[in-house]
Amino acid sequence: MWQDVLTAFALYLIIEGMIPFVGPDFFRRTVARLAELDDNHLRATGLTIMATGLLLLFVVRS
């Protein structure tokens, strides 16, 4: 089980690292825009991303 968790985390880090590597200017602008959002909007966005990931996980694992 831990091997799967660490594999998923490693893939997450690879994907997250690709974004600033490929487009550093785009990444910088996006982070600046995110910093301007209010807390409720950020929470709603985080919840949507988590729900999408959970749904995808159920689809892939079933």
PDB file of N, CA and C in Angstrom:
ATOM      1  N   MET A   1       0.808  -1.195   0.000  1.00  0.00           N
ATOM      2  CA  MET A   1       0.000   0.000   0.000  1.00  0.00           C
ATOM      3  C   MET A   1       0.855   1.264   0.000  1.00  0.00           C
ATOM      4  N   TRP A   2       1.879   1.301   0.867  1.00  0.00           N
ATOM      5  CA  TRP A   2       2.718   2.500   0.915  1.00  0.00           C
ATOM      6  C   TRP A   2       3.445   2.730  -0.401  1.00  0.00           C
ATOM      7  N   GLN A   3       3.733   1.651  -1.102  1.00  0.00           N
ATOM      8  CA  GLN A   3       4.390   1.797  -2.401  1.00  0.00           C
ATOM      9  C   GLN A   3       3.476   2.543  -3.366  1.00  0.00           C
ATOM     10  N   ASP A   4       2.178   2.241  -3.340  1.00  0.00           N
ATOM     11  CA  ASP A   4       1.222   2.943  -4.190  1.00  0.00           C
ATOM     12  C   ASP A   4       1.106   4.414  -3.814  1.00  0.00           C
ATOM     13  N   VAL A   5       1.079   4.697  -2.524  1.00  0.00           N
ATOM     14  CA  VAL A   5       0.972   6.079  -2.052  1.00  0.00           C
ATOM     15  C   VAL A   5       2.205   6.874  -2.474  1.00  0.00           C
ATOM     16  N   LEU A   6       3.364   6.295  -2.275  1.00  0.00           N
ATOM     17  CA  LEU A   6       4.601   6.998  -2.646  1.00  0.00           C
ATOM     18  C   LEU A   6       4.726   7.145  -4.157  1.00  0.00           C
ATOM     19  N   THR A   7       4.259   6.157  -4.910  1.00  0.00           N
ATOM     20  CA  THR A   7       4.254   6.267  -6.365  1.00  0.00           C
ATOM     21  C   THR A   7       3.353   7.408  -6.811  1.00  0.00           C
ATOM     22  N   ALA A   8       2.165   7.485  -6.233  1.00  0.00           N
ATOM     23  CA  ALA A   8       1.236   8.568  -6.566  1.00  0.00           C
ATOM     24  C   ALA A   8       1.835   9.924  -6.210  1.00  0.00           C
ATOM     25  N   PHE A   9       2.472  10.010  -5.055  1.00  0.00           N
ATOM     26  CA  PHE A   9       3.093  11.272  -4.642  1.00  0.00           C
ATOM     27  C   PHE A   9       4.242  11.654  -5.569  1.00  0.00           C
ATOM     28  N   ALA A  10       5.035  10.679  -5.978  1.00  0.00           N
ATOM     29  CA  ALA A  10       6.138  10.951  -6.900  1.00  0.00           C
ATOM     30  C   ALA A  10       5.606  11.463  -8.234  1.00  0.00           C
ATOM     31  N   LEU A  11       4.543  10.844  -8.732  1.00  0.00           N
ATOM     32  CA  LEU A  11       3.949  11.316  -9.989  1.00  0.00           C
ATOM     33  C   LEU A  11       3.384  12.725  -9.844  1.00  0.00           C
ATOM     34  N   TYR A  12       2.778  13.003  -8.701  1.00  0.00           N
ATOM     35  CA  TYR A  12       2.270  14.348  -8.424  1.00  0.00           C
ATOM     36  C   TYR A  12       3.416  15.371  -8.472  1.00  0.00           C
ATOM     37  N   LEU A  13       4.524  15.049  -7.829  1.00  0.00           N
ATOM     38  CA  LEU A  13       5.664  15.967  -7.828  1.00  0.00           C
ATOM     39  C   LEU A  13       6.224  16.180  -9.231  1.00  0.00           C
ATOM     40  N   ILE A  14       6.266  15.128 -10.020  1.00  0.00           N
ATOM     41  CA  ILE A  14       6.760  15.252 -11.397  1.00  0.00           C
ATOM     42  C   ILE A  14       5.861  16.181 -12.197  1.00  0.00           C
ATOM     43  N   ILE A  15       4.553  15.973 -12.102  1.00  0.00           N
ATOM     44  CA  ILE A  15       3.611  16.798 -12.861  1.00  0.00           C
ATOM     45  C   ILE A  15       3.655  18.243 -12.381  1.00  0.00           C
ATOM     46  N   GLU A  16       3.678  18.449 -11.058  1.00  0.00           N
ATOM     47  CA  GLU A  16       3.734  19.806 -10.519  1.00  0.00           C
ATOM     48  C   GLU A  16       5.034  20.504 -10.911  1.00  0.00           C
ATOM     49  N   GLY A  17       6.114  19.772 -11.003  1.00  0.00           N
ATOM     50  CA  GLY A  17       7.393  20.370 -11.398  1.00  0.00           C
ATOM     51  C   GLY A  17       7.459  20.717 -12.875  1.00  0.00           C
ATOM     52  N   MET A  18       6.671  20.016 -13.686  1.00  0.00           N
ATOM     53  CA  MET A  18       6.677  20.288 -15.129  1.00  0.00           C
ATOM     54  C   MET A  18       6.086  21.662 -15.445  1.00  0.00           C
ATOM     55  N   ILE A  19       5.106  22.076 -14.669  1.00  0.00           N
ATOM     56  CA  ILE A  19       4.401  23.329 -14.965  1.00  0.00           C
ATOM     57  C   ILE A  19       5.351  24.531 -14.925  1.00  0.00           C
ATOM     58  N   PRO A  20       6.077  24.770 -13.822  1.00  0.00           N
ATOM     59  CA  PRO A  20       6.999  25.916 -13.847  1.00  0.00           C
ATOM     60  C   PRO A  20       8.204  25.694 -14.760  1.00  0.00           C
ATOM     61  N   PHE A  21       8.578  24.440 -14.985  1.00  0.00           N
ATOM     62  CA  PHE A  21       9.713  24.172 -15.865  1.00  0.00           C
ATOM     63  C   PHE A  21       9.382  24.540 -17.310  1.00  0.00           C
ATOM     64  N   VAL A  22       8.187  24.166 -17.769  1.00  0.00           N
ATOM     65  CA  VAL A  22       7.805  24.401 -19.159  1.00  0.00           C
ATOM     66  C   VAL A  22       7.435  25.858 -19.404  1.00  0.00           C
ATOM     67  N   GLY A  23       6.694  26.468 -18.464  1.00  0.00           N
ATOM     68  CA  GLY A  23       6.243  27.848 -18.670  1.00  0.00           C
ATOM     69  C   GLY A  23       6.387  28.682 -17.418  1.00  0.00           C
ATOM     70  N   PRO A  24       7.605  29.121 -17.109  1.00  0.00           N
ATOM     71  CA  PRO A  24       7.794  29.859 -15.859  1.00  0.00           C
ATOM     72  C   PRO A  24       7.016  31.178 -15.793  1.00  0.00           C
ATOM     73  N   ASP A  25       6.896  31.877 -16.901  1.00  0.00           N
ATOM     74  CA  ASP A  25       6.136  33.133 -16.889  1.00  0.00           C
ATOM     75  C   ASP A  25       4.654  32.878 -16.652  1.00  0.00           C
ATOM     76  N   PHE A  26       4.097  31.871 -17.324  1.00  0.00           N
ATOM     77  CA  PHE A  26       2.701  31.507 -17.124  1.00  0.00           C
ATOM     78  C   PHE A  26       2.467  31.088 -15.678  1.00  0.00           C
ATOM     79  N   PHE A  27       3.378  30.298 -15.130  1.00  0.00           N
ATOM     80  CA  PHE A  27       3.266  29.835 -13.749  1.00  0.00           C
ATOM     81  C   PHE A  27       3.272  31.024 -12.793  1.00  0.00           C
ATOM     82  N   ARG A  28       4.177  31.961 -12.999  1.00  0.00           N
ATOM     83  CA  ARG A  28       4.288  33.140 -12.127  1.00  0.00           C
ATOM     84  C   ARG A  28       3.009  33.979 -12.166  1.00  0.00           C
ATOM     85  N   ARG A  29       2.453  34.175 -13.373  1.00  0.00           N
ATOM     86  CA  ARG A  29       1.207  34.950 -13.495  1.00  0.00           C
ATOM     87  C   ARG A  29       0.045  34.227 -12.828  1.00  0.00           C
ATOM     88  N   THR A  30      -0.005  32.916 -12.991  1.00  0.00           N
ATOM     89  CA  THR A  30      -1.092  32.141 -12.395  1.00  0.00           C
ATOM     90  C   THR A  30      -1.031  32.188 -10.874  1.00  0.00           C
ATOM     91  N   VAL A  31       0.152  32.055 -10.303  1.00  0.00           N
ATOM     92  CA  VAL A  31       0.302  32.116  -8.850  1.00  0.00           C
ATOM     93  C   VAL A  31      -0.071  33.501  -8.335  1.00  0.00           C
ATOM     94  N   ALA A  32       0.286  34.547  -9.067  1.00  0.00           N
ATOM     95  CA  ALA A  32      -0.083  35.906  -8.664  1.00  0.00           C
ATOM     96  C   ALA A  32      -1.605  36.079  -8.676  1.00  0.00           C
ATOM     97  N   ARG A  33      -2.272  35.509  -9.682  1.00  0.00           N
ATOM     98  CA  ARG A  33      -3.739  35.580  -9.733  1.00  0.00           C
ATOM     99  C   ARG A  33      -4.360  34.797  -8.573  1.00  0.00           C
ATOM    100  N   LEU A  34      -3.805  33.645  -8.266  1.00  0.00           N
ATOM    101  CA  LEU A  34      -4.321  32.847  -7.152  1.00  0.00           C
ATOM    102  C   LEU A  34      -4.187  33.587  -5.825  1.00  0.00           C
ATOM    103  N   ALA A  35      -3.106  34.326  -5.657  1.00  0.00           N
ATOM    104  CA  ALA A  35      -2.877  35.069  -4.416  1.00  0.00           C
ATOM    105  C   ALA A  35      -3.922  36.169  -4.226  1.00  0.00           C
ATOM    106  N   GLU A  36      -4.539  36.624  -5.298  1.00  0.00           N
ATOM    107  CA  GLU A  36      -5.538  37.692  -5.217  1.00  0.00           C
ATOM    108  C   GLU A  36      -6.935  37.169  -4.891  1.00  0.00           C
ATOM    109  N   LEU A  37      -7.163  35.863  -4.985  1.00  0.00           N
ATOM    110  CA  LEU A  37      -8.495  35.314  -4.735  1.00  0.00           C
ATOM    111  C   LEU A  37      -8.805  35.293  -3.242  1.00  0.00           C
ATOM    112  N   ASP A  38     -10.102  35.419  -2.919  1.00  0.00           N
ATOM    113  CA  ASP A  38     -10.489  35.353  -1.512  1.00  0.00           C
ATOM    114  C   ASP A  38     -10.486  33.894  -1.038  1.00  0.00           C
ATOM    115  N   ASP A  39     -10.511  33.721   0.262  1.00  0.00           N
ATOM    116  CA  ASP A  39     -10.400  32.385   0.861  1.00  0.00           C
ATOM    117  C   ASP A  39     -11.520  31.444   0.423  1.00  0.00           C
ATOM    118  N   ASN A  40     -12.746  31.942   0.377  1.00  0.00           N
ATOM    119  CA  ASN A  40     -13.866  31.072   0.004  1.00  0.00           C
ATOM    120  C   ASN A  40     -13.733  30.551  -1.421  1.00  0.00           C
ATOM    121  N   HIS A  41     -13.251  31.389  -2.321  1.00  0.00           N
ATOM    122  CA  HIS A  41     -13.067  30.949  -3.706  1.00  0.00           C
ATOM    123  C   HIS A  41     -11.964  29.888  -3.784  1.00  0.00           C
ATOM    124  N   LEU A  42     -10.886  30.102  -3.042  1.00  0.00           N
ATOM    125  CA  LEU A  42      -9.802  29.112  -3.027  1.00  0.00           C
ATOM    126  C   LEU A  42     -10.277  27.787  -2.429  1.00  0.00           C
ATOM    127  N   ARG A  43     -11.073  27.860  -1.362  1.00  0.00           N
ATOM    128  CA  ARG A  43     -11.598  26.628  -0.764  1.00  0.00           C
ATOM    129  C   ARG A  43     -12.511  25.888  -1.737  1.00  0.00           C
ATOM    130  N   ALA A  44     -13.372  26.618  -2.429  1.00  0.00           N
ATOM    131  CA  ALA A  44     -14.270  25.990  -3.404  1.00  0.00           C
ATOM    132  C   ALA A  44     -13.474  25.344  -4.526  1.00  0.00           C
ATOM    133  N   THR A  45     -12.437  26.019  -4.973  1.00  0.00           N
ATOM    134  CA  THR A  45     -11.582  25.459  -6.020  1.00  0.00           C
ATOM    135  C   THR A  45     -10.881  24.195  -5.522  1.00  0.00           C
ATOM    136  N   GLY A  46     -10.346  24.238  -4.314  1.00  0.00           N
ATOM    137  CA  GLY A  46      -9.692  23.060  -3.739  1.00  0.00           C
ATOM    138  C   GLY A  46     -10.650  21.894  -3.582  1.00  0.00           C
ATOM    139  N   LEU A  47     -11.872  22.175  -3.137  1.00  0.00           N
ATOM    140  CA  LEU A  47     -12.874  21.123  -2.984  1.00  0.00           C
ATOM    141  C   LEU A  47     -13.229  20.507  -4.335  1.00  0.00           C
ATOM    142  N   THR A  48     -13.367  21.346  -5.353  1.00  0.00           N
ATOM    143  CA  THR A  48     -13.675  20.846  -6.695  1.00  0.00           C
ATOM    144  C   THR A  48     -12.547  19.961  -7.223  1.00  0.00           C
ATOM    145  N   ILE A  49     -11.318  20.375  -7.015  1.00  0.00           N
ATOM    146  CA  ILE A  49     -10.170  19.584  -7.478  1.00  0.00           C
ATOM    147  C   ILE A  49     -10.105  18.251  -6.737  1.00  0.00           C
ATOM    148  N   MET A  50     -10.330  18.282  -5.413  1.00  0.00           N
ATOM    149  CA  MET A  50     -10.311  17.039  -4.644  1.00  0.00           C
ATOM    150  C   MET A  50     -11.423  16.092  -5.084  1.00  0.00           C
ATOM    151  N   ALA A  51     -12.621  16.627  -5.297  1.00  0.00           N
ATOM    152  CA  ALA A  51     -13.748  15.784  -5.719  1.00  0.00           C
ATOM    153  C   ALA A  51     -13.484  15.182  -7.092  1.00  0.00           C
ATOM    154  N   THR A  52     -12.905  15.959  -7.994  1.00  0.00           N
ATOM    155  CA  THR A  52     -12.564  15.449  -9.323  1.00  0.00           C
ATOM    156  C   THR A  52     -11.529  14.334  -9.214  1.00  0.00           C
ATOM    157  N   GLY A  53     -10.516  14.533  -8.390  1.00  0.00           N
ATOM    158  CA  GLY A  53      -9.499  13.501  -8.185  1.00  0.00           C
ATOM    159  C   GLY A  53     -10.074  12.237  -7.568  1.00  0.00           C
ATOM    160  N   LEU A  54     -10.968  12.403  -6.611  1.00  0.00           N
ATOM    161  CA  LEU A  54     -11.609  11.239  -5.987  1.00  0.00           C
ATOM    162  C   LEU A  54     -12.460  10.471  -6.991  1.00  0.00           C
ATOM    163  N   LEU A  55     -13.219  11.193  -7.782  1.00  0.00           N
ATOM    164  CA  LEU A  55     -14.045  10.552  -8.817  1.00  0.00           C
ATOM    165  C   LEU A  55     -13.161   9.812  -9.819  1.00  0.00           C
ATOM    166  N   LEU A  56     -12.083  10.444 -10.260  1.00  0.00           N
ATOM    167  CA  LEU A  56     -11.163   9.802 -11.192  1.00  0.00           C
ATOM    168  C   LEU A  56     -10.535   8.557 -10.576  1.00  0.00           C
ATOM    169  N   LEU A  57     -10.195   8.639  -9.299  1.00  0.00           N
ATOM    170  CA  LEU A  57      -9.623   7.491  -8.609  1.00  0.00           C
ATOM    171  C   LEU A  57     -10.606   6.324  -8.575  1.00  0.00           C
ATOM    172  N   PHE A  58     -11.864   6.597  -8.274  1.00  0.00           N
ATOM    173  CA  PHE A  58     -12.877   5.536  -8.255  1.00  0.00           C
ATOM    174  C   PHE A  58     -13.058   4.927  -9.632  1.00  0.00           C
ATOM    175  N   VAL A  59     -13.043   5.748 -10.666  1.00  0.00           N
ATOM    176  CA  VAL A  59     -13.214   5.240 -12.035  1.00  0.00           C
ATOM    177  C   VAL A  59     -12.037   4.361 -12.427  1.00  0.00           C
ATOM    178  N   VAL A  60     -10.823   4.816 -12.123  1.00  0.00           N
ATOM    179  CA  VAL A  60      -9.630   4.076 -12.503  1.00  0.00           C
ATOM    180  C   VAL A  60      -9.498   2.775 -11.716  1.00  0.00           C
ATOM    181  N   ARG A  61      -9.857   2.791 -10.439  1.00  0.00           N
ATOM    182  CA  ARG A  61      -9.676   1.625  -9.582  1.00  0.00           C
ATOM    183  C   ARG A  61     -10.806   0.609  -9.683  1.00  0.00           C
ATOM    184  N   SER A  62     -11.914   0.947 -10.337  1.00  0.00           N
ATOM    185  CA  SER A  62     -13.034  -0.005 -10.399  1.00  0.00           C
ATOM    186  C   SER A  62     -12.980  -0.871 -11.632  1.00  0.00           C
TER     187      SER A  62
END
